[in-house]
PDB file of N, CA and C in Angstrom:
ATOM      1  N   UNK A   1     -53.939  49.439  68.114  1.00  0.00           N
ATOM      2  CA  UNK A   1     -53.448  50.094  66.827  1.00  0.00           C
ATOM      3  C   UNK A   1     -52.002  50.318  66.839  1.00  0.00           C
ATOM      4  N   UNK A   2     -51.456  50.716  68.083  1.00  0.00           N
ATOM      5  CA  UNK A   2     -50.027  50.913  68.213  1.00  0.00           C
ATOM      6  C   UNK A   2     -49.255  49.590  67.882  1.00  0.00           C
ATOM      7  N   UNK A   3     -49.790  48.493  68.330  1.00  0.00           N
ATOM      8  CA  UNK A   3     -49.159  47.201  68.023  1.00  0.00           C
ATOM      9  C   UNK A   3     -49.129  46.890  66.569  1.00  0.00           C
ATOM     10  N   UNK A   4     -50.140  47.282  65.780  1.00  0.00           N
ATOM     11  CA  UNK A   4     -50.176  47.007  64.376  1.00  0.00           C
ATOM     12  C   UNK A   4     -49.058  47.894  63.670  1.00  0.00           C
ATOM     13  N   UNK A   5     -48.915  49.072  64.073  1.00  0.00           N
ATOM     14  CA  UNK A   5     -47.889  49.929  63.529  1.00  0.00           C
ATOM     15  C   UNK A   5     -46.496  49.393  63.805  1.00  0.00           C
ATOM     16  N   UNK A   6     -46.266  48.879  64.997  1.00  0.00           N
ATOM     17  CA  UNK A   6     -45.015  48.272  65.334  1.00  0.00           C
ATOM     18  C   UNK A   6     -44.763  46.992  64.521  1.00  0.00           C
ATOM     19  N   UNK A   7     -45.788  46.216  64.327  1.00  0.00           N
ATOM     20  CA  UNK A   7     -45.666  45.000  63.533  1.00  0.00           C
ATOM     21  C   UNK A   7     -45.347  45.334  62.094  1.00  0.00           C
ATOM     22  N   UNK A   8     -46.031  46.292  61.516  1.00  0.00           N
ATOM     23  CA  UNK A   8     -45.816  46.655  60.164  1.00  0.00           C
ATOM     24  C   UNK A   8     -44.335  47.313  59.998  1.00  0.00           C
ATOM     25  N   UNK A   9     -43.976  48.039  61.065  1.00  0.00           N
ATOM     26  CA  UNK A   9     -42.548  48.572  61.000  1.00  0.00           C
ATOM     27  C   UNK A   9     -41.543  47.503  61.003  1.00  0.00           C
ATOM     28  N   UNK A  10     -41.709  46.499  61.949  1.00  0.00           N
ATOM     29  CA  UNK A  10     -40.750  45.380  61.824  1.00  0.00           C
ATOM     30  C   UNK A  10     -40.714  44.597  60.537  1.00  0.00           C
ATOM     31  N   UNK A  11     -41.850  44.339  59.992  1.00  0.00           N
ATOM     32  CA  UNK A  11     -42.005  43.624  58.687  1.00  0.00           C
ATOM     33  C   UNK A  11     -41.328  44.440  57.588  1.00  0.00           C
ATOM     34  N   UNK A  12     -41.532  45.748  57.552  1.00  0.00           N
ATOM     35  CA  UNK A  12     -40.860  46.626  56.565  1.00  0.00           C
ATOM     36  C   UNK A  12     -39.340  46.567  56.788  1.00  0.00           C
ATOM     37  N   UNK A  13     -38.891  46.709  57.971  1.00  0.00           N
ATOM     38  CA  UNK A  13     -37.501  46.844  58.347  1.00  0.00           C
ATOM     39  C   UNK A  13     -36.771  45.501  57.860  1.00  0.00           C
ATOM     40  N   UNK A  14     -37.314  44.322  58.084  1.00  0.00           N
ATOM     41  CA  UNK A  14     -36.678  43.106  57.782  1.00  0.00           C
ATOM     42  C   UNK A  14     -36.871  42.848  56.233  1.00  0.00           C
ATOM     43  N   UNK A  15     -37.938  43.241  55.600  1.00  0.00           N
ATOM     44  CA  UNK A  15     -38.072  43.004  54.234  1.00  0.00           C
ATOM     45  C   UNK A  15     -37.235  43.942  53.364  1.00  0.00           C
ATOM     46  N   UNK A  16     -36.929  45.070  53.876  1.00  0.00           N
ATOM     47  CA  UNK A  16     -36.179  46.026  53.096  1.00  0.00           C
ATOM     48  C   UNK A  16     -34.670  46.074  53.395  1.00  0.00           C
ATOM     49  N   UNK A  17     -34.356  45.279  54.434  1.00  0.00           N
ATOM     50  CA  UNK A  17     -32.881  45.305  54.749  1.00  0.00           C
ATOM     51  C   UNK A  17     -32.150  44.561  53.748  1.00  0.00           C
ATOM     52  N   UNK A  18     -30.853  44.993  53.528  1.00  0.00           N
ATOM     53  CA  UNK A  18     -29.986  44.390  52.563  1.00  0.00           C
ATOM     54  C   UNK A  18     -29.524  43.002  53.034  1.00  0.00           C
ATOM     55  N   UNK A  19     -29.711  42.015  52.114  1.00  0.00           N
ATOM     56  CA  UNK A  19     -29.251  40.730  52.415  1.00  0.00           C
ATOM     57  C   UNK A  19     -27.877  40.463  51.908  1.00  0.00           C
ATOM     58  N   UNK A  20     -26.836  40.605  52.663  1.00  0.00           N
ATOM     59  CA  UNK A  20     -25.449  40.486  52.150  1.00  0.00           C
ATOM     60  C   UNK A  20     -25.102  39.150  51.707  1.00  0.00           C
ATOM     61  N   UNK A  21     -25.804  38.209  52.157  1.00  0.00           N
ATOM     62  CA  UNK A  21     -25.540  36.737  51.670  1.00  0.00           C
ATOM     63  C   UNK A  21     -26.245  36.343  50.463  1.00  0.00           C
ATOM     64  N   UNK A  22     -27.113  37.172  49.919  1.00  0.00           N
ATOM     65  CA  UNK A  22     -27.843  36.727  48.763  1.00  0.00           C
ATOM     66  C   UNK A  22     -27.028  36.368  47.664  1.00  0.00           C
ATOM     67  N   UNK A  23     -27.218  35.214  47.041  1.00  0.00           N
ATOM     68  CA  UNK A  23     -26.386  34.737  45.899  1.00  0.00           C
ATOM     69  C   UNK A  23     -25.085  34.117  46.317  1.00  0.00           C
ATOM     70  N   UNK A  24     -24.693  34.190  47.534  1.00  0.00           N
ATOM     71  CA  UNK A  24     -23.520  33.553  47.972  1.00  0.00           C
ATOM     72  C   UNK A  24     -23.761  32.174  48.502  1.00  0.00           C
ATOM     73  N   UNK A  25     -22.851  31.298  48.140  1.00  0.00           N
ATOM     74  CA  UNK A  25     -22.948  29.958  48.695  1.00  0.00           C
ATOM     75  C   UNK A  25     -22.227  29.864  50.034  1.00  0.00           C
ATOM     76  N   UNK A  26     -22.635  28.900  50.767  1.00  0.00           N
ATOM     77  CA  UNK A  26     -21.929  28.748  52.117  1.00  0.00           C
ATOM     78  C   UNK A  26     -20.505  28.209  51.796  1.00  0.00           C
ATOM     79  N   UNK A  27     -19.566  28.765  52.494  1.00  0.00           N
ATOM     80  CA  UNK A  27     -18.133  28.368  52.334  1.00  0.00           C
ATOM     81  C   UNK A  27     -17.771  27.789  53.711  1.00  0.00           C
ATOM     82  N   UNK A  28     -17.159  26.611  53.546  1.00  0.00           N
ATOM     83  CA  UNK A  28     -16.641  25.963  54.807  1.00  0.00           C
ATOM     84  C   UNK A  28     -15.207  26.098  54.733  1.00  0.00           C
ATOM     85  N   UNK A  29     -14.613  26.679  55.802  1.00  0.00           N
ATOM     86  CA  UNK A  29     -13.172  26.802  55.898  1.00  0.00           C
ATOM     87  C   UNK A  29     -12.657  25.555  56.499  1.00  0.00           C
ATOM     88  N   UNK A  30     -11.554  25.073  55.868  1.00  0.00           N
ATOM     89  CA  UNK A  30     -10.934  23.851  56.438  1.00  0.00           C
ATOM     90  C   UNK A  30      -9.505  24.169  56.729  1.00  0.00           C
ATOM     91  N   UNK A  31      -8.959  23.555  57.714  1.00  0.00           N
ATOM     92  CA  UNK A  31      -7.563  23.762  57.999  1.00  0.00           C
ATOM     93  C   UNK A  31      -6.734  22.889  57.152  1.00  0.00           C
ATOM     94  N   UNK A  32      -5.771  23.516  56.499  1.00  0.00           N
ATOM     95  CA  UNK A  32      -4.849  22.825  55.578  1.00  0.00           C
ATOM     96  C   UNK A  32      -3.601  22.335  56.272  1.00  0.00           C
ATOM     97  N   UNK A  33      -3.181  21.208  55.928  1.00  0.00           N
ATOM     98  CA  UNK A  33      -1.971  20.646  56.490  1.00  0.00           C
ATOM     99  C   UNK A  33      -0.758  21.261  55.752  1.00  0.00           C
ATOM    100  N   UNK A  34      -0.296  22.378  56.201  1.00  0.00           N
ATOM    101  CA  UNK A  34       0.850  22.986  55.545  1.00  0.00           C
ATOM    102  C   UNK A  34       2.030  22.937  56.433  1.00  0.00           C
ATOM    103  N   UNK A  35       2.925  22.002  56.215  1.00  0.00           N
ATOM    104  CA  UNK A  35       4.088  21.781  56.985  1.00  0.00           C
ATOM    105  C   UNK A  35       5.223  22.633  56.381  1.00  0.00           C
ATOM    106  N   UNK A  36       5.837  23.463  57.199  1.00  0.00           N
ATOM    107  CA  UNK A  36       6.889  24.289  56.755  1.00  0.00           C
ATOM    108  C   UNK A  36       8.178  23.665  57.256  1.00  0.00           C
ATOM    109  N   UNK A  37       9.109  23.392  56.291  1.00  0.00           N
ATOM    110  CA  UNK A  37      10.448  22.756  56.638  1.00  0.00           C
ATOM    111  C   UNK A  37      11.436  23.919  56.717  1.00  0.00           C
ATOM    112  N   UNK A  38      11.897  24.254  57.964  1.00  0.00           N
ATOM    113  CA  UNK A  38      12.813  25.364  58.112  1.00  0.00           C
ATOM    114  C   UNK A  38      14.195  24.761  58.308  1.00  0.00           C
ATOM    115  N   UNK A  39      15.120  25.271  57.402  1.00  0.00           N
ATOM    116  CA  UNK A  39      16.418  24.728  57.398  1.00  0.00           C
ATOM    117  C   UNK A  39      17.272  25.589  58.408  1.00  0.00           C
ATOM    118  N   UNK A  40      17.708  24.913  59.462  1.00  0.00           N
ATOM    119  CA  UNK A  40      18.515  25.593  60.481  1.00  0.00           C
ATOM    120  C   UNK A  40      19.980  25.339  60.315  1.00  0.00           C
ATOM    121  N   UNK A  41      20.304  24.219  59.679  1.00  0.00           N
ATOM    122  CA  UNK A  41      21.679  23.739  59.452  1.00  0.00           C
ATOM    123  C   UNK A  41      21.821  23.305  57.981  1.00  0.00           C
ATOM    124  N   UNK A  42      22.266  24.224  57.092  1.00  0.00           N
ATOM    125  CA  UNK A  42      22.477  23.895  55.722  1.00  0.00           C
ATOM    126  C   UNK A  42      23.382  22.680  55.431  1.00  0.00           C
ATOM    127  N   UNK A  43      24.372  22.542  56.323  1.00  0.00           N
ATOM    128  CA  UNK A  43      25.341  21.408  56.089  1.00  0.00           C
ATOM    129  C   UNK A  43      24.675  20.145  56.348  1.00  0.00           C
ATOM    130  N   UNK A  44      23.941  20.013  57.460  1.00  0.00           N
ATOM    131  CA  UNK A  44      23.278  18.803  57.828  1.00  0.00           C
ATOM    132  C   UNK A  44      22.209  18.498  56.790  1.00  0.00           C
ATOM    133  N   UNK A  45      21.474  19.510  56.284  1.00  0.00           N
ATOM    134  CA  UNK A  45      20.486  19.351  55.206  1.00  0.00           C
ATOM    135  C   UNK A  45      21.140  18.829  53.964  1.00  0.00           C
ATOM    136  N   UNK A  46      22.366  19.334  53.603  1.00  0.00           N
ATOM    137  CA  UNK A  46      23.150  18.844  52.455  1.00  0.00           C
ATOM    138  C   UNK A  46      23.489  17.373  52.580  1.00  0.00           C
ATOM    139  N   UNK A  47      23.998  17.053  53.766  1.00  0.00           N
ATOM    140  CA  UNK A  47      24.351  15.564  54.006  1.00  0.00           C
ATOM    141  C   UNK A  47      23.104  14.746  53.887  1.00  0.00           C
ATOM    142  N   UNK A  48      22.042  15.165  54.451  1.00  0.00           N
ATOM    143  CA  UNK A  48      20.816  14.349  54.312  1.00  0.00           C
ATOM    144  C   UNK A  48      20.331  14.197  52.880  1.00  0.00           C
ATOM    145  N   UNK A  49      20.470  15.278  52.089  1.00  0.00           N
ATOM    146  CA  UNK A  49      20.030  15.236  50.730  1.00  0.00           C
ATOM    147  C   UNK A  49      20.988  14.289  49.945  1.00  0.00           C
ATOM    148  N   UNK A  50      22.261  14.263  50.200  1.00  0.00           N
ATOM    149  CA  UNK A  50      23.226  13.405  49.518  1.00  0.00           C
ATOM    150  C   UNK A  50      22.909  11.915  49.902  1.00  0.00           C
ATOM    151  N   UNK A  51      22.587  11.730  51.215  1.00  0.00           N
ATOM    152  CA  UNK A  51      22.300  10.351  51.531  1.00  0.00           C
ATOM    153  C   UNK A  51      21.029   9.794  50.868  1.00  0.00           C
ATOM    154  N   UNK A  52      20.149  10.660  50.574  1.00  0.00           N
ATOM    155  CA  UNK A  52      18.885  10.274  49.870  1.00  0.00           C
ATOM    156  C   UNK A  52      18.940  10.245  48.422  1.00  0.00           C
ATOM    157  N   UNK A  53      19.950  10.727  47.819  1.00  0.00           N
ATOM    158  CA  UNK A  53      20.110  10.788  46.385  1.00  0.00           C
ATOM    159  C   UNK A  53      20.911   9.666  45.884  1.00  0.00           C
ATOM    160  N   UNK A  54      21.312   9.753  44.629  1.00  0.00           N
ATOM    161  CA  UNK A  54      22.124   8.623  43.931  1.00  0.00           C
ATOM    162  C   UNK A  54      23.621   9.044  43.990  1.00  0.00           C
ATOM    163  N   UNK A  55      24.022  10.059  44.759  1.00  0.00           N
ATOM    164  CA  UNK A  55      25.366  10.515  44.755  1.00  0.00           C
ATOM    165  C   UNK A  55      26.417   9.488  45.203  1.00  0.00           C
ATOM    166  N   UNK A  56      26.017   8.730  46.214  1.00  0.00           N
ATOM    167  CA  UNK A  56      27.005   7.742  46.825  1.00  0.00           C
ATOM    168  C   UNK A  56      27.260   6.591  45.900  1.00  0.00           C
ATOM    169  N   UNK A  57      26.536   6.475  44.813  1.00  0.00           N
ATOM    170  CA  UNK A  57      26.940   5.395  43.821  1.00  0.00           C
ATOM    171  C   UNK A  57      28.213   5.734  43.084  1.00  0.00           C
ATOM    172  N   UNK A  58      28.598   7.016  43.040  1.00  0.00           N
ATOM    173  CA  UNK A  58      29.750   7.481  42.224  1.00  0.00           C
ATOM    174  C   UNK A  58      30.752   8.143  43.057  1.00  0.00           C
ATOM    175  N   UNK A  59      30.349   8.719  44.271  1.00  0.00           N
ATOM    176  CA  UNK A  59      31.228   9.474  45.131  1.00  0.00           C
ATOM    177  C   UNK A  59      31.271   8.922  46.555  1.00  0.00           C
ATOM    178  N   UNK A  60      32.441   8.927  47.146  1.00  0.00           N
ATOM    179  CA  UNK A  60      32.617   8.612  48.538  1.00  0.00           C
ATOM    180  C   UNK A  60      33.260   9.760  49.276  1.00  0.00           C
ATOM    181  N   UNK A  61      33.202   9.790  50.587  1.00  0.00           N
ATOM    182  CA  UNK A  61      33.801  10.931  51.248  1.00  0.00           C
ATOM    183  C   UNK A  61      35.305  10.990  51.135  1.00  0.00           C
ATOM    184  N   UNK A  62      35.954   9.928  51.333  1.00  0.00           N
ATOM    185  CA  UNK A  62      37.431   9.893  51.327  1.00  0.00           C
ATOM    186  C   UNK A  62      38.067   9.208  50.109  1.00  0.00           C
ATOM    187  N   UNK A  63      37.337   8.378  49.427  1.00  0.00           N
ATOM    188  CA  UNK A  63      37.890   7.607  48.316  1.00  0.00           C
ATOM    189  C   UNK A  63      37.309   7.944  47.008  1.00  0.00           C
ATOM    190  N   UNK A  64      38.154   7.980  45.953  1.00  0.00           N
ATOM    191  CA  UNK A  64      37.688   8.166  44.624  1.00  0.00           C
ATOM    192  C   UNK A  64      36.988   6.886  44.169  1.00  0.00           C
ATOM    193  N   UNK A  65      35.859   6.952  43.635  1.00  0.00           N
ATOM    194  CA  UNK A  65      35.121   5.834  43.072  1.00  0.00           C
ATOM    195  C   UNK A  65      35.019   6.041  41.599  1.00  0.00           C
ATOM    196  N   UNK A  66      33.884   6.346  41.021  1.00  0.00           N
ATOM    197  CA  UNK A  66      33.688   6.677  39.641  1.00  0.00           C
ATOM    198  C   UNK A  66      34.106   8.187  39.554  1.00  0.00           C
ATOM    199  N   UNK A  67      33.540   8.977  40.452  1.00  0.00           N
ATOM    200  CA  UNK A  67      33.852  10.372  40.477  1.00  0.00           C
ATOM    201  C   UNK A  67      34.831  10.723  41.598  1.00  0.00           C
ATOM    202  N   UNK A  68      35.176  11.972  41.789  1.00  0.00           N
ATOM    203  CA  UNK A  68      36.135  12.283  42.814  1.00  0.00           C
ATOM    204  C   UNK A  68      35.507  12.145  44.254  1.00  0.00           C
ATOM    205  N   UNK A  69      36.406  11.934  45.176  1.00  0.00           N
ATOM    206  CA  UNK A  69      35.870  11.909  46.622  1.00  0.00           C
ATOM    207  C   UNK A  69      35.425  13.318  46.982  1.00  0.00           C
ATOM    208  N   UNK A  70      34.579  13.373  47.969  1.00  0.00           N
ATOM    209  CA  UNK A  70      34.144  14.700  48.380  1.00  0.00           C
ATOM    210  C   UNK A  70      35.267  15.477  49.017  1.00  0.00           C
ATOM    211  N   UNK A  71      36.237  14.805  49.622  1.00  0.00           N
ATOM    212  CA  UNK A  71      37.464  15.479  50.201  1.00  0.00           C
ATOM    213  C   UNK A  71      38.275  16.110  49.041  1.00  0.00           C
ATOM    214  N   UNK A  72      38.391  15.359  47.893  1.00  0.00           N
ATOM    215  CA  UNK A  72      39.097  15.930  46.713  1.00  0.00           C
ATOM    216  C   UNK A  72      38.416  17.227  46.271  1.00  0.00           C
ATOM    217  N   UNK A  73      37.115  17.250  46.223  1.00  0.00           N
ATOM    218  CA  UNK A  73      36.334  18.335  45.773  1.00  0.00           C
ATOM    219  C   UNK A  73      36.555  19.518  46.768  1.00  0.00           C
ATOM    220  N   UNK A  74      36.456  19.243  48.101  1.00  0.00           N
ATOM    221  CA  UNK A  74      36.606  20.254  49.073  1.00  0.00           C
ATOM    222  C   UNK A  74      38.113  20.817  48.998  1.00  0.00           C
ATOM    223  N   UNK A  75      39.019  20.065  48.736  1.00  0.00           N
ATOM    224  CA  UNK A  75      40.443  20.539  48.579  1.00  0.00           C
ATOM    225  C   UNK A  75      40.631  21.413  47.360  1.00  0.00           C
ATOM    226  N   UNK A  76      39.926  21.101  46.268  1.00  0.00           N
ATOM    227  CA  UNK A  76      40.089  21.849  45.080  1.00  0.00           C
ATOM    228  C   UNK A  76      39.326  23.161  45.081  1.00  0.00           C
ATOM    229  N   UNK A  77      38.160  23.201  45.651  1.00  0.00           N
ATOM    230  CA  UNK A  77      37.326  24.391  45.558  1.00  0.00           C
ATOM    231  C   UNK A  77      37.215  25.056  46.955  1.00  0.00           C
ATOM    232  N   UNK A  78      37.497  26.334  47.016  1.00  0.00           N
ATOM    233  CA  UNK A  78      37.300  27.181  48.170  1.00  0.00           C
ATOM    234  C   UNK A  78      35.832  27.305  48.483  1.00  0.00           C
ATOM    235  N   UNK A  79      35.384  27.387  49.645  1.00  0.00           N
ATOM    236  CA  UNK A  79      34.020  27.543  50.031  1.00  0.00           C
ATOM    237  C   UNK A  79      33.603  29.031  49.855  1.00  0.00           C
ATOM    238  N   UNK A  80      33.352  29.450  48.618  1.00  0.00           N
ATOM    239  CA  UNK A  80      32.843  30.843  48.420  1.00  0.00           C
ATOM    240  C   UNK A  80      31.453  30.624  47.759  1.00  0.00           C
ATOM    241  N   UNK A  81      30.688  31.748  47.861  1.00  0.00           N
ATOM    242  CA  UNK A  81      29.307  31.750  47.223  1.00  0.00           C
ATOM    243  C   UNK A  81      29.456  31.459  45.762  1.00  0.00           C
ATOM    244  N   UNK A  82      30.450  32.028  45.064  1.00  0.00           N
ATOM    245  CA  UNK A  82      30.615  31.711  43.621  1.00  0.00           C
ATOM    246  C   UNK A  82      30.860  30.314  43.324  1.00  0.00           C
ATOM    247  N   UNK A  83      31.773  29.663  44.073  1.00  0.00           N
ATOM    248  CA  UNK A  83      31.968  28.228  43.873  1.00  0.00           C
ATOM    249  C   UNK A  83      30.798  27.378  44.227  1.00  0.00           C
ATOM    250  N   UNK A  84      30.055  27.713  45.315  1.00  0.00           N
ATOM    251  CA  UNK A  84      28.893  27.031  45.670  1.00  0.00           C
ATOM    252  C   UNK A  84      27.907  27.057  44.412  1.00  0.00           C
ATOM    253  N   UNK A  85      27.673  28.250  43.818  1.00  0.00           N
ATOM    254  CA  UNK A  85      26.785  28.337  42.699  1.00  0.00           C
ATOM    255  C   UNK A  85      27.244  27.541  41.514  1.00  0.00           C
ATOM    256  N   UNK A  86      28.567  27.586  41.184  1.00  0.00           N
ATOM    257  CA  UNK A  86      29.112  26.816  40.052  1.00  0.00           C
ATOM    258  C   UNK A  86      28.890  25.337  40.238  1.00  0.00           C
ATOM    259  N   UNK A  87      29.257  24.835  41.402  1.00  0.00           N
ATOM    260  CA  UNK A  87      29.162  23.382  41.684  1.00  0.00           C
ATOM    261  C   UNK A  87      27.735  22.940  41.788  1.00  0.00           C
ATOM    262  N   UNK A  88      26.778  23.803  42.298  1.00  0.00           N
ATOM    263  CA  UNK A  88      25.378  23.516  42.339  1.00  0.00           C
ATOM    264  C   UNK A  88      24.902  23.358  40.859  1.00  0.00           C
ATOM    265  N   UNK A  89      25.356  24.205  39.981  1.00  0.00           N
ATOM    266  CA  UNK A  89      24.953  24.123  38.554  1.00  0.00           C
ATOM    267  C   UNK A  89      25.401  22.902  37.939  1.00  0.00           C
ATOM    268  N   UNK A  90      26.668  22.353  38.346  1.00  0.00           N
ATOM    269  CA  UNK A  90      27.191  21.149  37.773  1.00  0.00           C
ATOM    270  C   UNK A  90      26.316  19.947  38.356  1.00  0.00           C
ATOM    271  N   UNK A  91      25.851  19.975  39.518  1.00  0.00           N
ATOM    272  CA  UNK A  91      25.037  18.890  40.026  1.00  0.00           C
ATOM    273  C   UNK A  91      23.682  18.916  39.197  1.00  0.00           C
ATOM    274  N   UNK A  92      23.077  20.023  38.967  1.00  0.00           N
ATOM    275  CA  UNK A  92      21.841  20.076  38.270  1.00  0.00           C
ATOM    276  C   UNK A  92      22.004  19.780  36.729  1.00  0.00           C
ATOM    277  N   UNK A  93      23.009  20.351  36.135  1.00  0.00           N
ATOM    278  CA  UNK A  93      23.140  20.201  34.699  1.00  0.00           C
ATOM    279  C   UNK A  93      24.062  19.114  34.260  1.00  0.00           C
ATOM    280  N   UNK A  94      24.833  18.495  35.196  1.00  0.00           N
ATOM    281  CA  UNK A  94      25.836  17.476  34.827  1.00  0.00           C
ATOM    282  C   UNK A  94      27.234  18.137  34.499  1.00  0.00           C
ATOM    283  N   UNK A  95      28.167  17.337  34.441  1.00  0.00           N
ATOM    284  CA  UNK A  95      29.524  17.787  34.149  1.00  0.00           C
ATOM    285  C   UNK A  95      30.329  16.713  33.470  1.00  0.00           C
ATOM    286  N   UNK A  96      31.325  17.104  32.734  1.00  0.00           N
ATOM    287  CA  UNK A  96      32.160  16.119  32.108  1.00  0.00           C
ATOM    288  C   UNK A  96      33.601  16.618  31.947  1.00  0.00           C
ATOM    289  N   UNK A  97      34.612  15.757  31.939  1.00  0.00           N
ATOM    290  CA  UNK A  97      35.880  16.085  31.562  1.00  0.00           C
ATOM    291  C   UNK A  97      36.821  16.802  32.664  1.00  0.00           C
ATOM    292  N   UNK A  98      36.271  17.039  33.778  1.00  0.00           N
ATOM    293  CA  UNK A  98      37.031  17.745  34.796  1.00  0.00           C
ATOM    294  C   UNK A  98      37.767  16.744  35.646  1.00  0.00           C
ATOM    295  N   UNK A  99      37.106  15.608  36.068  1.00  0.00           N
ATOM    296  CA  UNK A  99      37.728  14.617  36.898  1.00  0.00           C
ATOM    297  C   UNK A  99      38.000  13.249  36.218  1.00  0.00           C
ATOM    298  N   UNK A 100      37.780  13.146  34.971  1.00  0.00           N
ATOM    299  CA  UNK A 100      38.028  11.922  34.297  1.00  0.00           C
ATOM    300  C   UNK A 100      37.044  11.815  33.087  1.00  0.00           C
ATOM    301  N   UNK A 101      37.031  10.571  32.473  1.00  0.00           N
ATOM    302  CA  UNK A 101      36.261  10.460  31.244  1.00  0.00           C
ATOM    303  C   UNK A 101      34.773  10.194  31.483  1.00  0.00           C
ATOM    304  N   UNK A 102      34.364   9.709  32.632  1.00  0.00           N
ATOM    305  CA  UNK A 102      32.970   9.363  32.911  1.00  0.00           C
ATOM    306  C   UNK A 102      32.219  10.716  33.255  1.00  0.00           C
ATOM    307  N   UNK A 103      31.237  11.094  32.460  1.00  0.00           N
ATOM    308  CA  UNK A 103      30.453  12.306  32.787  1.00  0.00           C
ATOM    309  C   UNK A 103      29.531  12.145  34.058  1.00  0.00           C
ATOM    310  N   UNK A 104      29.402  13.189  34.732  1.00  0.00           N
ATOM    311  CA  UNK A 104      28.418  13.174  35.897  1.00  0.00           C
ATOM    312  C   UNK A 104      27.031  13.472  35.265  1.00  0.00           C
ATOM    313  N   UNK A 105      26.122  12.673  35.527  1.00  0.00           N
ATOM    314  CA  UNK A 105      24.689  12.833  34.910  1.00  0.00           C
ATOM    315  C   UNK A 105      24.049  14.100  35.528  1.00  0.00           C
ATOM    316  N   UNK A 106      23.136  14.643  34.741  1.00  0.00           N
ATOM    317  CA  UNK A 106      22.368  15.868  35.194  1.00  0.00           C
ATOM    318  C   UNK A 106      21.321  15.398  36.205  1.00  0.00           C
ATOM    319  N   UNK A 107      20.977  16.269  37.077  1.00  0.00           N
ATOM    320  CA  UNK A 107      19.853  16.044  38.068  1.00  0.00           C
ATOM    321  C   UNK A 107      18.857  17.230  37.886  1.00  0.00           C
ATOM    322  N   UNK A 108      18.171  17.250  36.717  1.00  0.00           N
ATOM    323  CA  UNK A 108      17.302  18.472  36.392  1.00  0.00           C
ATOM    324  C   UNK A 108      16.146  18.569  37.367  1.00  0.00           C
ATOM    325  N   UNK A 109      15.752  17.576  38.089  1.00  0.00           N
ATOM    326  CA  UNK A 109      14.646  17.645  39.018  1.00  0.00           C
ATOM    327  C   UNK A 109      15.054  18.267  40.326  1.00  0.00           C
ATOM    328  N   UNK A 110      16.314  18.532  40.628  1.00  0.00           N
ATOM    329  CA  UNK A 110      16.788  19.077  41.804  1.00  0.00           C
ATOM    330  C   UNK A 110      16.755  20.636  41.791  1.00  0.00           C
ATOM    331  N   UNK A 111      16.299  21.157  42.963  1.00  0.00           N
ATOM    332  CA  UNK A 111      16.255  22.638  43.033  1.00  0.00           C
ATOM    333  C   UNK A 111      17.695  23.204  43.285  1.00  0.00           C
ATOM    334  N   UNK A 112      17.861  24.457  42.840  1.00  0.00           N
ATOM    335  CA  UNK A 112      19.093  25.100  43.008  1.00  0.00           C
ATOM    336  C   UNK A 112      19.495  25.147  44.548  1.00  0.00           C
ATOM    337  N   UNK A 113      18.369  25.437  45.361  1.00  0.00           N
ATOM    338  CA  UNK A 113      18.525  25.531  46.793  1.00  0.00           C
ATOM    339  C   UNK A 113      19.159  24.216  47.384  1.00  0.00           C
ATOM    340  N   UNK A 114      18.545  23.056  46.960  1.00  0.00           N
ATOM    341  CA  UNK A 114      19.018  21.799  47.540  1.00  0.00           C
ATOM    342  C   UNK A 114      20.340  21.422  47.038  1.00  0.00           C
ATOM    343  N   UNK A 115      20.672  21.826  45.778  1.00  0.00           N
ATOM    344  CA  UNK A 115      22.020  21.565  45.172  1.00  0.00           C
ATOM    345  C   UNK A 115      23.001  22.365  45.925  1.00  0.00           C
ATOM    346  N   UNK A 116      22.647  23.632  46.400  1.00  0.00           N
ATOM    347  CA  UNK A 116      23.624  24.437  47.193  1.00  0.00           C
ATOM    348  C   UNK A 116      23.805  23.839  48.502  1.00  0.00           C
ATOM    349  N   UNK A 117      22.832  23.273  49.161  1.00  0.00           N
ATOM    350  CA  UNK A 117      22.968  22.598  50.452  1.00  0.00           C
ATOM    351  C   UNK A 117      23.983  21.425  50.295  1.00  0.00           C
ATOM    352  N   UNK A 118      23.778  20.703  49.282  1.00  0.00           N
ATOM    353  CA  UNK A 118      24.749  19.561  49.096  1.00  0.00           C
ATOM    354  C   UNK A 118      26.197  19.997  48.922  1.00  0.00           C
ATOM    355  N   UNK A 119      26.347  21.096  48.110  1.00  0.00           N
ATOM    356  CA  UNK A 119      27.798  21.675  47.832  1.00  0.00           C
ATOM    357  C   UNK A 119      28.289  22.212  49.196  1.00  0.00           C
ATOM    358  N   UNK A 120      27.507  22.883  50.015  1.00  0.00           N
ATOM    359  CA  UNK A 120      27.952  23.343  51.285  1.00  0.00           C
ATOM    360  C   UNK A 120      28.454  22.265  52.173  1.00  0.00           C
ATOM    361  N   UNK A 121      27.702  21.107  52.209  1.00  0.00           N
ATOM    362  CA  UNK A 121      28.121  19.935  52.936  1.00  0.00           C
ATOM    363  C   UNK A 121      29.480  19.439  52.433  1.00  0.00           C
ATOM    364  N   UNK A 122      29.589  19.324  51.152  1.00  0.00           N
ATOM    365  CA  UNK A 122      30.771  18.711  50.558  1.00  0.00           C
ATOM    366  C   UNK A 122      31.955  19.664  50.887  1.00  0.00           C
ATOM    367  N   UNK A 123      31.792  20.904  50.639  1.00  0.00           N
ATOM    368  CA  UNK A 123      32.931  21.849  50.864  1.00  0.00           C
ATOM    369  C   UNK A 123      33.276  22.007  52.420  1.00  0.00           C
ATOM    370  N   UNK A 124      32.409  21.535  53.270  1.00  0.00           N
ATOM    371  CA  UNK A 124      32.681  21.672  54.683  1.00  0.00           C
ATOM    372  C   UNK A 124      33.650  20.491  55.165  1.00  0.00           C
ATOM    373  N   UNK A 125      33.869  19.495  54.201  1.00  0.00           N
ATOM    374  CA  UNK A 125      34.644  18.319  54.558  1.00  0.00           C
ATOM    375  C   UNK A 125      36.177  18.601  54.422  1.00  0.00           C
ATOM    376  N   UNK A 126      36.547  19.799  54.157  1.00  0.00           N
ATOM    377  CA  UNK A 126      38.002  20.160  54.107  1.00  0.00           C
ATOM    378  C   UNK A 126      38.784  19.825  55.249  1.00  0.00           C
TER     379      UNK A 126
END
């Protein structure tokens, strides 16, 4: 008789217990490939961005081509946060009339951060 009461007790305990997973679907966690690119040298990053963009079709480091040389830009603009922002905006939005008749095309797909890295590289060439 004692065994019957124990059996009934176990059955009641399991049948009345809260099922926390009821209605929930199984979720499988997967590891995502999230690569974080940490910039340790903004000048090297700027140089790399320039080499991978269309900049060198119009600009050279020492020689004026279609646009001014990077050395000319570095000589004209002091390396200040304000100038970095102004020149980064010119890279993104384009510019005309400052260095000649041919306008610099806009690069709307470029982030402000990457444009700043490029400017920091250019202004480091002083």
